[in-house]
Amino acid sequence: QVQLVESGGGLVQPGGSLRLSCATSGVTFSRYTMSWYRQPPGKERELVAYITYGAGSTNYADSVKGRFTISRDNAMSLVYLQMNSLKPEDTAVYYCKAVHRWGGAHWGQGNQVTVSS
């Protein structure tokens, strides 16, 4: 059974930092490209960042470049999203997604991040 479980969200003041984690099970983690998406209130889900299997290449949405960092630990089957200099517009439910190199995707249940003073 495939499971992706996000953690690390919460309430933070503007300018603060949070680190999201996504723990996976039931998959061969090293064969998956891992992504973080987010869905702000009343808006569509959008891609935040991804990190590929193998080389671990990364890519980011323009809105988070220079502030967010995605990383992965293949030994522990974990993917992280370090979020710095948070802004109110970063408020959203953040989702972890795993995509196998041959297709097929799995989603986590989502984790709320609220940036507010």
N, C-alpha and C. Protein backbone atom coordinates (compact mmCIF):
# COMPACT_ATOMS: atom_id res chain seq x y z
N GLN A 1 0.84 -1.19 0.00
CA GLN A 1 0.00 0.00 0.00
C GLN A 1 0.88 1.25 0.00
N VAL A 2 0.64 2.12 -0.96
CA VAL A 2 1.43 3.33 -1.08
C VAL A 2 0.88 4.40 -0.13
N GLN A 3 1.79 5.01 0.62
CA GLN A 3 1.40 6.11 1.50
C GLN A 3 2.40 7.24 1.40
N LEU A 4 1.88 8.46 1.32
CA LEU A 4 2.68 9.66 1.40
C LEU A 4 2.08 10.50 2.52
N VAL A 5 2.89 10.84 3.51
CA VAL A 5 2.39 11.57 4.67
C VAL A 5 3.22 12.82 4.86
N GLU A 6 2.55 13.98 4.70
CA GLU A 6 3.22 15.25 4.89
C GLU A 6 3.17 15.66 6.36
N SER A 7 4.18 16.41 6.78
CA SER A 7 4.20 16.97 8.13
C SER A 7 5.04 18.24 8.12
N GLY A 8 4.93 19.01 9.20
CA GLY A 8 5.77 20.20 9.35
C GLY A 8 5.08 21.51 9.07
N GLY A 9 3.83 21.47 8.66
CA GLY A 9 3.11 22.71 8.40
C GLY A 9 2.68 23.39 9.70
N GLY A 10 1.98 24.50 9.53
CA GLY A 10 1.50 25.23 10.70
C GLY A 10 1.39 26.71 10.42
N LEU A 11 1.34 27.47 11.51
CA LEU A 11 1.22 28.93 11.44
C LEU A 11 2.59 29.56 11.66
N VAL A 12 2.95 30.49 10.79
CA VAL A 12 4.23 31.18 10.91
C VAL A 12 4.04 32.63 10.51
N GLN A 13 4.84 33.51 11.09
CA GLN A 13 4.76 34.93 10.77
C GLN A 13 5.48 35.21 9.44
N PRO A 14 5.08 36.27 8.77
CA PRO A 14 5.81 36.65 7.54
C PRO A 14 7.29 36.81 7.81
N GLY A 15 8.09 36.31 6.88
CA GLY A 15 9.54 36.33 7.05
C GLY A 15 10.09 35.10 7.75
N GLY A 16 9.21 34.28 8.28
CA GLY A 16 9.65 33.09 8.99
C GLY A 16 9.94 31.91 8.08
N SER A 17 10.25 30.78 8.71
CA SER A 17 10.64 29.58 7.97
C SER A 17 9.87 28.37 8.48
N LEU A 18 9.68 27.43 7.59
CA LEU A 18 9.13 26.12 7.93
C LEU A 18 9.81 25.09 7.06
N ARG A 19 9.85 23.86 7.56
CA ARG A 19 10.33 22.77 6.73
C ARG A 19 9.26 21.69 6.68
N LEU A 20 8.79 21.41 5.49
CA LEU A 20 7.83 20.34 5.29
C LEU A 20 8.58 19.04 4.99
N SER A 21 8.02 17.96 5.49
CA SER A 21 8.55 16.63 5.20
C SER A 21 7.46 15.78 4.59
N CYS A 22 7.86 14.86 3.74
CA CYS A 22 6.93 13.89 3.16
C CYS A 22 7.56 12.51 3.31
N ALA A 23 6.95 11.70 4.13
CA ALA A 23 7.43 10.34 4.34
C ALA A 23 6.66 9.40 3.42
N THR A 24 7.39 8.57 2.71
CA THR A 24 6.75 7.65 1.77
C THR A 24 6.95 6.21 2.21
N SER A 25 6.01 5.38 1.86
CA SER A 25 6.12 3.95 2.10
C SER A 25 5.36 3.22 1.01
N GLY A 26 5.78 1.97 0.78
CA GLY A 26 5.11 1.18 -0.24
C GLY A 26 5.58 1.46 -1.65
N VAL A 27 6.66 2.26 -1.78
CA VAL A 27 7.21 2.56 -3.11
C VAL A 27 8.72 2.38 -3.07
N THR A 28 9.31 2.15 -4.25
CA THR A 28 10.77 2.17 -4.38
C THR A 28 11.14 3.63 -4.61
N PHE A 29 11.41 4.32 -3.52
CA PHE A 29 11.51 5.77 -3.51
C PHE A 29 12.48 6.31 -4.55
N SER A 30 13.59 5.63 -4.73
CA SER A 30 14.64 6.14 -5.62
C SER A 30 14.21 6.16 -7.08
N ARG A 31 13.10 5.55 -7.42
CA ARG A 31 12.62 5.51 -8.81
C ARG A 31 11.56 6.56 -9.09
N TYR A 32 11.32 7.43 -8.11
CA TYR A 32 10.25 8.41 -8.24
C TYR A 32 10.79 9.83 -8.28
N THR A 33 10.22 10.62 -9.18
CA THR A 33 10.38 12.07 -9.10
C THR A 33 9.40 12.56 -8.04
N MET A 34 9.90 13.38 -7.14
CA MET A 34 9.09 13.87 -6.03
C MET A 34 8.81 15.36 -6.22
N SER A 35 7.59 15.72 -5.94
CA SER A 35 7.16 17.11 -6.15
C SER A 35 6.41 17.63 -4.93
N TRP A 36 6.42 18.94 -4.81
CA TRP A 36 5.54 19.63 -3.87
C TRP A 36 4.61 20.52 -4.69
N TYR A 37 3.34 20.43 -4.38
CA TYR A 37 2.33 21.29 -4.95
C TYR A 37 1.67 22.06 -3.80
N ARG A 38 0.95 23.11 -4.16
CA ARG A 38 0.18 23.81 -3.14
C ARG A 38 -1.13 24.31 -3.73
N GLN A 39 -2.11 24.46 -2.88
CA GLN A 39 -3.41 24.98 -3.29
C GLN A 39 -3.83 26.09 -2.35
N PRO A 40 -3.67 27.34 -2.79
CA PRO A 40 -4.11 28.47 -1.95
C PRO A 40 -5.63 28.48 -1.85
N PRO A 41 -6.16 29.16 -0.85
CA PRO A 41 -7.62 29.21 -0.69
C PRO A 41 -8.30 29.78 -1.93
N GLY A 42 -9.27 29.08 -2.46
CA GLY A 42 -10.03 29.54 -3.60
C GLY A 42 -9.32 29.49 -4.94
N LYS A 43 -8.14 28.85 -4.96
CA LYS A 43 -7.37 28.79 -6.20
C LYS A 43 -7.07 27.35 -6.58
N GLU A 44 -6.53 27.17 -7.78
CA GLU A 44 -6.18 25.84 -8.24
C GLU A 44 -4.84 25.39 -7.66
N ARG A 45 -4.66 24.09 -7.66
CA ARG A 45 -3.40 23.52 -7.20
C ARG A 45 -2.30 23.88 -8.19
N GLU A 46 -1.12 24.21 -7.67
CA GLU A 46 -0.01 24.60 -8.52
C GLU A 46 1.28 23.90 -8.09
N LEU A 47 2.16 23.70 -9.06
CA LEU A 47 3.45 23.08 -8.78
C LEU A 47 4.36 24.09 -8.09
N VAL A 48 4.99 23.65 -7.02
CA VAL A 48 5.94 24.50 -6.29
C VAL A 48 7.37 24.13 -6.67
N ALA A 49 7.68 22.85 -6.62
CA ALA A 49 9.05 22.41 -6.88
C ALA A 49 9.03 20.90 -7.13
N TYR A 50 10.06 20.44 -7.85
CA TYR A 50 10.22 19.00 -7.97
C TYR A 50 11.70 18.65 -7.96
N ILE A 51 11.97 17.38 -7.64
CA ILE A 51 13.32 16.85 -7.64
C ILE A 51 13.26 15.49 -8.30
N THR A 52 14.11 15.27 -9.30
CA THR A 52 14.02 14.04 -10.09
C THR A 52 14.67 12.86 -9.37
N TYR A 53 14.31 11.67 -9.83
CA TYR A 53 15.04 10.49 -9.38
C TYR A 53 16.41 10.52 -10.07
N GLY A 54 17.32 9.68 -9.62
CA GLY A 54 18.64 9.61 -10.24
C GLY A 54 19.47 10.84 -9.91
N ALA A 55 19.62 11.74 -10.85
CA ALA A 55 20.51 12.90 -10.69
C ALA A 55 20.03 13.88 -9.63
N GLY A 56 18.76 13.83 -9.29
CA GLY A 56 18.24 14.76 -8.29
C GLY A 56 18.18 16.19 -8.78
N SER A 57 17.91 16.39 -10.06
CA SER A 57 17.76 17.73 -10.59
C SER A 57 16.51 18.38 -10.00
N THR A 58 16.59 19.68 -9.80
CA THR A 58 15.48 20.40 -9.18
C THR A 58 14.96 21.51 -10.09
N ASN A 59 13.73 21.87 -9.84
CA ASN A 59 13.13 23.00 -10.55
C ASN A 59 12.09 23.63 -9.63
N TYR A 60 11.91 24.94 -9.79
CA TYR A 60 11.04 25.68 -8.87
C TYR A 60 10.11 26.62 -9.63
N ALA A 61 8.96 26.85 -9.05
CA ALA A 61 8.09 27.90 -9.55
C ALA A 61 8.77 29.25 -9.33
N ASP A 62 8.54 30.18 -10.24
CA ASP A 62 9.19 31.48 -10.14
C ASP A 62 8.86 32.16 -8.81
N SER A 63 7.68 31.93 -8.30
CA SER A 63 7.23 32.61 -7.08
C SER A 63 8.00 32.18 -5.84
N VAL A 64 8.70 31.05 -5.91
CA VAL A 64 9.42 30.56 -4.72
C VAL A 64 10.92 30.46 -4.92
N LYS A 65 11.39 30.74 -6.12
CA LYS A 65 12.83 30.64 -6.39
C LYS A 65 13.61 31.54 -5.45
N GLY A 66 14.70 30.97 -4.90
CA GLY A 66 15.54 31.71 -3.98
C GLY A 66 15.06 31.69 -2.55
N ARG A 67 13.84 31.20 -2.32
CA ARG A 67 13.29 31.13 -0.96
C ARG A 67 13.05 29.70 -0.50
N PHE A 68 12.67 28.83 -1.42
CA PHE A 68 12.34 27.44 -1.09
C PHE A 68 13.43 26.52 -1.64
N THR A 69 13.67 25.42 -0.93
CA THR A 69 14.61 24.42 -1.38
C THR A 69 14.00 23.03 -1.21
N ILE A 70 13.99 22.26 -2.28
CA ILE A 70 13.52 20.88 -2.21
C ILE A 70 14.73 19.96 -2.13
N SER A 71 14.61 18.91 -1.32
CA SER A 71 15.69 17.94 -1.21
C SER A 71 15.09 16.57 -0.91
N ARG A 72 15.91 15.54 -1.06
CA ARG A 72 15.41 14.21 -0.80
C ARG A 72 16.47 13.37 -0.11
N ASP A 73 16.00 12.39 0.66
CA ASP A 73 16.86 11.43 1.33
C ASP A 73 16.39 10.05 0.87
N ASN A 74 17.08 9.49 -0.09
CA ASN A 74 16.63 8.21 -0.66
C ASN A 74 16.73 7.07 0.36
N ALA A 75 17.70 7.15 1.24
CA ALA A 75 17.87 6.08 2.23
C ALA A 75 16.68 6.03 3.19
N MET A 76 16.12 7.22 3.47
CA MET A 76 15.01 7.29 4.42
C MET A 76 13.66 7.45 3.74
N SER A 77 13.66 7.51 2.41
CA SER A 77 12.42 7.68 1.63
C SER A 77 11.67 8.93 2.05
N LEU A 78 12.42 10.01 2.16
CA LEU A 78 11.85 11.28 2.58
C LEU A 78 12.14 12.37 1.55
N VAL A 79 11.22 13.30 1.41
CA VAL A 79 11.46 14.50 0.63
C VAL A 79 11.09 15.68 1.50
N TYR A 80 11.86 16.76 1.34
CA TYR A 80 11.70 17.94 2.18
C TYR A 80 11.43 19.17 1.31
N LEU A 81 10.79 20.13 1.94
CA LEU A 81 10.67 21.45 1.34
C LEU A 81 11.00 22.47 2.42
N GLN A 82 12.18 23.05 2.30
CA GLN A 82 12.59 24.12 3.22
C GLN A 82 12.06 25.43 2.68
N MET A 83 11.27 26.11 3.48
CA MET A 83 10.63 27.35 3.05
C MET A 83 11.12 28.49 3.93
N ASN A 84 11.80 29.43 3.33
CA ASN A 84 12.33 30.60 4.04
C ASN A 84 11.67 31.87 3.53
N SER A 85 11.81 32.93 4.29
CA SER A 85 11.25 34.23 3.90
C SER A 85 9.79 34.10 3.47
N LEU A 86 9.02 33.43 4.28
CA LEU A 86 7.64 33.16 3.92
C LEU A 86 6.81 34.43 3.84
N LYS A 87 5.87 34.41 2.89
CA LYS A 87 4.99 35.54 2.65
C LYS A 87 3.54 35.09 2.85
N PRO A 88 2.65 36.03 3.11
CA PRO A 88 1.23 35.65 3.26
C PRO A 88 0.70 34.91 2.03
N GLU A 89 1.20 35.24 0.86
CA GLU A 89 0.73 34.57 -0.36
C GLU A 89 1.22 33.11 -0.47
N ASP A 90 2.08 32.69 0.43
CA ASP A 90 2.49 31.29 0.48
C ASP A 90 1.47 30.44 1.25
N THR A 91 0.50 31.08 1.85
CA THR A 91 -0.54 30.35 2.58
C THR A 91 -1.28 29.41 1.64
N ALA A 92 -1.32 28.13 1.99
CA ALA A 92 -1.92 27.12 1.13
C ALA A 92 -1.89 25.77 1.83
N VAL A 93 -2.60 24.83 1.24
CA VAL A 93 -2.41 23.44 1.60
C VAL A 93 -1.32 22.89 0.69
N TYR A 94 -0.30 22.33 1.28
CA TYR A 94 0.85 21.81 0.53
C TYR A 94 0.73 20.29 0.41
N TYR A 95 0.93 19.81 -0.81
CA TYR A 95 0.80 18.39 -1.12
C TYR A 95 2.11 17.83 -1.65
N CYS A 96 2.40 16.62 -1.27
CA CYS A 96 3.53 15.87 -1.78
C CYS A 96 3.00 14.93 -2.88
N LYS A 97 3.78 14.80 -3.95
CA LYS A 97 3.39 13.92 -5.06
C LYS A 97 4.59 13.11 -5.49
N ALA A 98 4.34 11.83 -5.76
CA ALA A 98 5.37 10.92 -6.24
C ALA A 98 4.97 10.43 -7.62
N VAL A 99 5.87 10.56 -8.59
CA VAL A 99 5.62 10.10 -9.95
C VAL A 99 6.70 9.11 -10.35
N HIS A 100 6.29 7.90 -10.67
CA HIS A 100 7.25 6.86 -11.05
C HIS A 100 7.88 7.19 -12.42
N ARG A 101 9.08 6.76 -12.61
CA ARG A 101 9.78 7.08 -13.86
C ARG A 101 9.09 6.50 -15.09
N TRP A 102 8.24 5.48 -14.89
CA TRP A 102 7.48 4.90 -15.99
C TRP A 102 6.01 5.29 -15.96
N GLY A 103 5.67 6.29 -15.13
CA GLY A 103 4.29 6.72 -15.05
C GLY A 103 3.62 6.23 -13.78
N GLY A 104 2.47 6.78 -13.49
CA GLY A 104 1.78 6.44 -12.25
C GLY A 104 2.15 7.45 -11.18
N ALA A 105 1.17 7.96 -10.48
CA ALA A 105 1.41 9.00 -9.49
C ALA A 105 0.63 8.72 -8.22
N HIS A 106 1.18 9.23 -7.12
CA HIS A 106 0.54 9.12 -5.82
C HIS A 106 0.62 10.47 -5.12
N TRP A 107 -0.43 10.79 -4.35
CA TRP A 107 -0.49 12.06 -3.64
C TRP A 107 -0.58 11.84 -2.14
N GLY A 108 -0.06 12.81 -1.41
CA GLY A 108 -0.28 12.85 0.02
C GLY A 108 -1.60 13.51 0.33
N GLN A 109 -1.92 13.59 1.61
CA GLN A 109 -3.22 14.10 2.02
C GLN A 109 -3.25 15.62 2.17
N GLY A 110 -2.09 16.24 2.17
CA GLY A 110 -2.01 17.69 2.28
C GLY A 110 -1.69 18.14 3.69
N ASN A 111 -1.06 19.29 3.78
CA ASN A 111 -0.64 19.87 5.06
C ASN A 111 -0.80 21.39 4.97
N GLN A 112 -1.47 21.96 5.94
CA GLN A 112 -1.77 23.39 5.90
C GLN A 112 -0.57 24.22 6.34
N VAL A 113 -0.27 25.23 5.54
CA VAL A 113 0.73 26.24 5.90
C VAL A 113 0.02 27.60 5.87
N THR A 114 0.09 28.31 7.00
CA THR A 114 -0.53 29.62 7.10
C THR A 114 0.52 30.64 7.49
N VAL A 115 0.66 31.68 6.67
CA VAL A 115 1.63 32.74 6.93
C VAL A 115 0.84 34.00 7.27
N SER A 116 0.91 34.39 8.52
CA SER A 116 0.10 35.51 8.98
C SER A 116 0.69 36.09 10.26
N SER A 117 0.53 37.39 10.42
CA SER A 117 0.96 38.04 11.65
C SER A 117 -0.19 38.11 12.64
